[in-house]
Amino acid sequence: MLKNWLAAGAVALSVGMTATASFAQTTTVPGEQVGLATGAPLPEGIYALDTFLYRQNRNTAPGAVDVGVNVPVLVWSTPFVPFGGRVELLVAPPTVFAFGKNSGPNGSRDLSINVGTFVGGIWAFDLGGNVGVSLLGGVYLNDLNGDRGVLVNNAGTTFATPVLPQLASNTYRAGIAISYTGDGYNLTANLTGNFYDSPATFGGNNFFGTRGPFIISDSLNLDLTATKKFGKFEIGAIGYGTANLDTSVNSLAFGNRGSFSLGGLIGYDFGPVTAQFYAARTVATAVRRSETTELWGRLIVPLYSPTPVASAAPIIRKY
């Protein structure tokens, strides 16, 4: 059932933030789209993806935490192709986790935070010659169901609140991607912008002083993929980074222009499920001691396609 559908293009939507406001960044985590040919249109159908990130923090201070992000995604590649571009609809309810690195009273408790559900759409074009281009637009509904989060140590003392001040505003997301998917290659560049209503405030009670206002920096992410398939295996290089556009003294991104990471990816097509694993390490950063190692895992499951298996063969060969 379209075993090579990943090479035809897909989108994984996620969020990624550090556990404190001092390293605030985009709601969309850098690297969440690597390994996917996001520029090319998907064949008509319904697809499920789940992407998980584990970010290891080199900081060993008492309140230091590692961070995880889990993003289940449902994609409907519709039969609608206005002006030759496939319309794809997406929904994703991400969750961010923080894992305390130290025991004892000064160590941080583990916690989880709901990020505003993402709803959006893609308009994807097959330009011919195994080249595709797509446009993405959508919003993380942080005002509706985003959780501000409170980081507490094992002794019950509040460390930081809100943990993710980015969630004080809905995040408006726009993106453009281009992919080459011929001869088993996936060569993709994906540029994503996150934009906020800034300054922004949380609603509800203000007991922990979490209301705001917060000056949230608009940001740009760049995700790069260069992989090759050998039978059922896929292997290659990846790179991704983020740039904050407002690093003024009042901004949540004060002093943090951004970062860039490099790494590698390996994947395997099991038939009904495709799995990917990739890892990357910070190679450039504007914030001292903020270097991280990030480990990623992804599962991709085609749930439904109106195209019979035999009729799907030309699509598989094409990509």
Protein backbone atom coordinates (compact mmCIF):
# COMPACT_ATOMS: atom_id res chain seq x y z
CA MET A 1 0.00 0.00 0.00
CA LEU A 2 2.17 2.84 -1.29
CA LYS A 3 5.16 1.51 0.58
CA ASN A 4 7.31 4.34 -0.69
CA TRP A 5 4.73 7.02 0.04
CA LEU A 6 7.16 8.90 2.26
CA ALA A 7 9.27 9.80 -0.77
CA ALA A 8 6.15 11.27 -2.33
CA GLY A 9 6.02 13.83 0.47
CA ALA A 10 4.58 14.17 3.98
CA VAL A 11 4.36 16.66 6.81
CA ALA A 12 5.01 16.11 10.51
CA LEU A 13 3.91 18.99 12.71
CA SER A 14 5.39 19.49 16.11
CA VAL A 15 6.48 21.97 18.70
CA GLY A 16 9.68 22.26 20.61
CA MET A 17 10.73 24.57 23.31
CA THR A 18 13.33 24.61 25.99
CA ALA A 19 12.16 24.30 29.56
CA THR A 20 12.82 27.90 30.55
CA ALA A 21 11.96 31.27 29.10
CA SER A 22 15.64 32.20 28.82
CA PHE A 23 16.04 29.88 25.81
CA ALA A 24 12.69 30.67 24.21
CA GLN A 25 12.38 29.71 20.57
CA THR A 26 9.77 28.92 17.93
CA THR A 27 6.69 26.90 18.75
CA THR A 28 7.59 24.67 15.79
CA VAL A 29 10.70 22.79 16.84
CA PRO A 30 13.68 23.02 14.48
CA GLY A 31 14.22 19.63 12.86
CA GLU A 32 10.64 18.40 13.08
CA GLN A 33 10.35 18.14 9.31
CA VAL A 34 13.69 16.62 8.35
CA GLY A 35 13.46 13.21 6.70
CA LEU A 36 10.18 14.11 4.99
CA ALA A 37 9.82 15.23 1.39
CA THR A 38 7.56 18.08 2.46
CA GLY A 39 7.72 19.84 -0.90
CA ALA A 40 6.07 17.02 -2.89
CA PRO A 41 2.32 16.26 -2.87
CA LEU A 42 1.06 13.13 -1.14
CA PRO A 43 -1.09 10.65 -3.03
CA GLU A 44 -4.74 10.94 -2.04
CA GLY A 45 -5.44 9.21 1.27
CA ILE A 46 -5.22 9.43 5.05
CA TYR A 47 -1.91 9.10 6.89
CA ALA A 48 -0.85 8.97 10.54
CA LEU A 49 2.56 10.03 11.83
CA ASP A 50 4.07 10.14 15.28
CA THR A 51 7.32 11.98 15.91
CA PHE A 52 9.17 11.99 19.25
CA LEU A 53 12.13 14.14 20.22
CA TYR A 54 14.42 13.69 23.22
CA ARG A 55 16.66 16.70 23.82
CA GLN A 56 19.60 16.17 26.16
CA ASN A 57 20.70 19.30 28.00
CA ARG A 58 24.42 19.56 28.82
CA ASN A 59 23.63 21.86 31.76
CA THR A 60 23.99 19.96 35.06
CA ALA A 61 22.71 22.67 37.43
CA PRO A 62 20.26 21.49 40.14
CA GLY A 63 17.19 22.65 38.21
CA ALA A 64 18.34 21.40 34.80
CA VAL A 65 15.97 19.29 32.73
CA ASP A 66 16.02 17.24 29.56
CA VAL A 67 13.10 17.85 27.19
CA GLY A 68 10.86 15.56 25.17
CA VAL A 69 8.25 16.37 22.53
CA ASN A 70 5.63 13.95 21.22
CA VAL A 71 3.55 14.84 18.17
CA PRO A 72 0.79 12.60 16.80
CA VAL A 73 -0.34 13.88 13.39
CA LEU A 74 -3.27 13.05 11.13
CA VAL A 75 -2.98 14.07 7.45
CA TRP A 76 -5.80 13.96 4.92
CA SER A 77 -4.51 14.30 1.38
CA THR A 78 -7.74 15.35 -0.27
CA PRO A 79 -8.91 14.72 -3.86
CA PHE A 80 -8.98 18.48 -4.45
CA VAL A 81 -6.27 19.86 -6.76
CA PRO A 82 -7.10 23.53 -7.50
CA PHE A 83 -4.76 24.97 -10.16
CA GLY A 84 -2.89 21.64 -10.11
CA GLY A 85 -1.92 21.74 -6.43
CA ARG A 86 -3.00 19.01 -4.01
CA VAL A 87 -4.84 20.24 -0.88
CA GLU A 88 -3.75 18.44 2.32
CA LEU A 89 -5.40 19.06 5.70
CA LEU A 90 -3.61 18.48 9.00
CA VAL A 91 -4.29 18.29 12.72
CA ALA A 92 -1.75 17.67 15.51
CA PRO A 93 -2.06 17.87 19.33
CA PRO A 94 1.57 18.09 20.56
CA THR A 95 2.82 17.52 24.10
CA VAL A 96 6.05 18.75 25.68
CA PHE A 97 7.74 16.88 28.56
CA ALA A 98 10.48 17.94 30.97
CA PHE A 99 12.59 15.33 32.78
CA GLY A 100 14.51 16.37 35.90
CA LYS A 101 18.22 15.56 35.65
CA ASN A 102 18.99 15.62 39.38
CA SER A 103 17.56 13.91 42.44
CA GLY A 104 17.29 15.48 45.89
CA PRO A 105 15.24 18.51 46.96
CA ASN A 106 16.79 20.83 44.37
CA GLY A 107 16.16 18.56 41.40
CA SER A 108 13.28 19.32 39.04
CA ARG A 109 10.12 17.26 38.99
CA ASP A 110 9.01 15.73 35.71
CA LEU A 111 6.10 17.46 34.02
CA SER A 112 4.09 17.54 30.82
CA ILE A 113 2.54 20.50 29.01
CA ASN A 114 -0.22 20.55 26.41
CA VAL A 115 0.61 22.73 23.42
CA GLY A 116 -2.21 24.32 21.46
CA THR A 117 -3.56 21.91 18.85
CA PHE A 118 -2.26 22.69 15.37
CA VAL A 119 -4.77 22.94 12.51
CA GLY A 120 -3.64 23.83 9.03
CA GLY A 121 -3.36 22.97 5.39
CA ILE A 122 -0.84 22.47 2.59
CA TRP A 123 -1.05 23.30 -1.10
CA ALA A 124 1.45 21.01 -2.85
CA PHE A 125 2.47 21.03 -6.52
CA ASP A 126 4.22 18.44 -8.67
CA LEU A 127 6.36 20.54 -11.02
CA GLY A 128 7.61 17.56 -13.02
CA GLY A 129 11.12 16.16 -13.16
CA ASN A 130 10.64 14.73 -9.63
CA VAL A 131 10.48 18.26 -8.17
CA GLY A 132 7.69 19.42 -5.87
CA VAL A 133 6.89 22.67 -4.07
CA SER A 134 4.42 23.21 -1.26
CA LEU A 135 2.97 26.07 0.76
CA LEU A 136 1.79 25.60 4.36
CA GLY A 137 -0.44 27.75 6.55
CA GLY A 138 -2.01 27.15 9.94
CA VAL A 139 -2.20 28.03 13.61
CA TYR A 140 -1.38 26.48 16.99
CA LEU A 141 -4.48 27.21 19.09
CA ASN A 142 -2.58 28.12 22.25
CA ASP A 143 -5.33 30.47 23.45
CA LEU A 144 -7.79 27.55 23.29
CA ASN A 145 -5.94 24.67 24.94
CA GLY A 146 -2.29 25.59 25.53
CA ASP A 147 -0.98 24.95 29.06
CA ARG A 148 1.33 27.52 30.65
CA GLY A 149 3.10 24.93 32.84
CA VAL A 150 4.78 25.32 36.23
CA LEU A 151 8.25 23.86 36.91
CA VAL A 152 8.62 22.73 40.55
CA ASN A 153 11.55 21.16 42.39
CA ASN A 154 11.33 18.00 44.46
CA ALA A 155 10.95 20.07 47.64
CA GLY A 156 7.86 21.77 46.23
CA THR A 157 9.42 25.13 45.39
CA THR A 158 8.44 26.78 42.13
CA PHE A 159 11.41 27.12 39.76
CA ALA A 160 9.86 28.72 36.70
CA THR A 161 6.44 29.74 35.52
CA PRO A 162 5.25 29.84 32.88
CA VAL A 163 7.58 27.20 31.52
CA LEU A 164 6.58 28.02 27.93
CA PRO A 165 5.60 31.70 27.69
CA GLN A 166 5.33 31.24 23.92
CA LEU A 167 1.93 29.69 24.62
CA ALA A 168 0.55 33.05 25.80
CA SER A 169 -0.29 33.69 22.13
CA ASN A 170 -1.67 31.62 19.30
CA THR A 171 1.22 30.75 16.98
CA TYR A 172 0.58 31.54 13.33
CA ARG A 173 2.64 29.32 11.07
CA ALA A 174 3.59 29.67 7.41
CA GLY A 175 6.04 27.61 5.39
CA ILE A 176 7.43 26.85 1.97
CA ALA A 177 9.27 23.68 0.94
CA ILE A 178 10.94 22.29 -2.17
CA SER A 179 11.82 18.62 -2.71
CA TYR A 180 13.59 16.45 -5.28
CA THR A 181 12.54 12.80 -4.99
CA GLY A 182 13.99 11.09 -8.05
CA ASP A 183 16.16 7.93 -8.07
CA GLY A 184 15.47 7.17 -4.40
CA TYR A 185 16.75 10.53 -3.20
CA ASN A 186 15.02 12.92 -0.82
CA LEU A 187 16.62 16.35 -1.18
CA THR A 188 14.43 18.81 0.70
CA ALA A 189 14.70 22.35 2.04
CA ASN A 190 11.89 23.61 4.26
CA LEU A 191 11.55 27.17 5.58
CA THR A 192 9.04 27.72 8.42
CA GLY A 193 7.98 30.98 10.03
CA ASN A 194 6.29 31.36 13.43
CA PHE A 195 4.47 34.62 14.17
CA TYR A 196 2.86 35.80 17.42
CA ASP A 197 0.45 38.38 18.79
CA SER A 198 3.08 40.16 20.86
CA PRO A 199 3.02 41.34 23.58
CA ALA A 200 0.82 38.48 24.79
CA THR A 201 -0.79 37.47 28.07
CA PHE A 202 -2.23 34.33 29.61
CA GLY A 203 -5.82 34.38 30.82
CA GLY A 204 -7.01 32.96 34.14
CA ASN A 205 -5.64 33.50 37.62
CA ASN A 206 -2.33 35.23 38.15
CA PHE A 207 -1.24 33.48 41.38
CA PHE A 208 2.20 32.57 40.05
CA GLY A 209 2.62 35.80 38.10
CA THR A 210 2.21 34.00 34.80
CA ARG A 211 -0.11 36.41 33.03
CA GLY A 212 2.42 38.60 31.23
CA PRO A 213 2.71 40.57 29.08
CA PHE A 214 5.41 38.66 27.20
CA ILE A 215 7.36 39.98 24.22
CA ILE A 216 7.54 36.91 21.96
CA SER A 217 10.00 36.86 19.09
CA ASP A 218 8.86 35.91 15.61
CA SER A 219 11.23 33.25 14.27
CA LEU A 220 12.35 31.32 11.21
CA ASN A 221 13.33 27.64 11.02
CA LEU A 222 15.25 25.91 8.23
CA ASP A 223 15.11 22.09 7.92
CA LEU A 224 17.42 20.35 5.42
CA THR A 225 17.36 16.69 4.28
CA ALA A 226 19.68 14.76 1.94
CA THR A 227 18.94 11.02 2.05
CA LYS A 228 19.05 8.06 -0.34
CA LYS A 229 17.06 4.83 -0.35
CA PHE A 230 18.71 1.45 -0.86
CA GLY A 231 15.91 -1.06 -1.10
CA LYS A 232 13.99 -0.82 2.15
CA PHE A 233 16.75 1.18 3.88
CA GLU A 234 17.17 4.94 3.87
CA ILE A 235 20.28 6.77 5.02
CA GLY A 236 21.63 10.30 4.79
CA ALA A 237 22.51 13.62 6.36
CA ILE A 238 20.30 16.25 8.00
CA GLY A 239 20.68 19.79 9.26
CA TYR A 240 18.33 22.24 10.94
CA GLY A 241 18.33 25.52 12.76
CA THR A 242 16.33 28.48 14.02
CA ALA A 243 16.75 32.25 13.99
CA ASN A 244 14.93 34.59 16.39
CA LEU A 245 14.00 37.92 14.83
CA ASP A 246 13.67 39.96 18.04
CA THR A 247 16.49 39.58 20.57
CA SER A 248 16.01 42.94 22.29
CA VAL A 249 16.33 43.21 26.07
CA ASN A 250 12.58 42.77 26.69
CA SER A 251 12.16 39.82 24.35
CA LEU A 252 11.85 36.22 25.54
CA ALA A 253 14.67 35.52 23.06
CA PHE A 254 16.96 38.18 24.54
CA GLY A 255 20.55 37.41 23.57
CA ASN A 256 19.56 34.28 21.63
CA ARG A 257 19.94 34.77 17.88
CA GLY A 258 19.43 31.06 17.29
CA SER A 259 21.28 27.81 16.67
CA PHE A 260 22.07 25.19 14.04
CA SER A 261 22.50 21.41 14.32
CA LEU A 262 23.90 18.68 12.06
CA GLY A 263 23.39 14.93 12.14
CA GLY A 264 22.34 11.79 10.32
CA LEU A 265 19.21 9.76 9.58
CA ILE A 266 18.44 6.09 9.03
CA GLY A 267 15.07 4.63 8.08
CA TYR A 268 13.49 1.29 7.20
CA ASP A 269 10.31 0.37 5.34
CA PHE A 270 8.60 -2.47 7.22
CA GLY A 271 5.67 -2.56 4.78
CA PRO A 272 2.62 -1.24 6.62
CA VAL A 273 4.84 1.00 8.78
CA THR A 274 7.89 3.11 7.96
CA ALA A 275 10.27 3.94 10.82
CA GLN A 276 12.94 6.63 10.98
CA PHE A 277 15.58 7.49 13.54
CA TYR A 278 17.80 10.53 13.43
CA ALA A 279 20.20 12.30 15.73
CA ALA A 280 21.84 15.72 15.66
CA ARG A 281 24.12 17.90 17.74
CA THR A 282 24.41 21.66 18.00
CA VAL A 283 27.30 23.01 15.92
CA ALA A 284 26.54 26.73 16.23
CA THR A 285 24.66 28.67 18.90
CA ALA A 286 24.36 32.22 20.14
CA VAL A 287 23.82 31.14 23.75
CA ARG A 288 26.78 29.83 25.70
CA ARG A 289 26.35 26.34 27.21
CA SER A 290 23.09 25.75 25.34
CA GLU A 291 24.56 23.02 23.11
CA THR A 292 22.30 19.98 22.95
CA THR A 293 22.18 16.45 21.57
CA GLU A 294 18.81 15.56 20.08
CA LEU A 295 17.49 12.07 19.39
CA TRP A 296 14.42 11.62 17.20
CA GLY A 297 12.13 8.72 16.31
CA ARG A 298 9.25 8.62 13.85
CA LEU A 299 6.58 6.12 12.74
CA ILE A 300 4.57 6.64 9.54
CA VAL A 301 1.42 4.64 8.82
CA PRO A 302 -0.77 5.00 5.68
CA LEU A 303 -4.32 4.44 6.97
CA TYR A 304 -6.36 4.67 3.79
CA SER A 305 -5.91 5.14 0.06
CA PRO A 306 -8.62 5.05 -2.62
CA THR A 307 -6.02 3.81 -5.10
CA PRO A 308 -5.78 -0.01 -5.40
CA VAL A 309 -2.34 -1.47 -4.75
CA ALA A 310 -1.78 -2.42 -8.39
CA SER A 311 -2.66 1.10 -9.56
CA ALA A 312 -0.24 2.59 -7.08
CA ALA A 313 2.78 1.02 -8.78
CA PRO A 314 3.31 3.90 -11.24
CA ILE A 315 3.41 6.34 -8.33
CA ILE A 316 5.97 4.23 -6.51
CA ARG A 317 8.15 3.98 -9.61
CA LYS A 318 7.85 7.69 -10.22
CA TYR A 319 9.34 8.51 -6.87
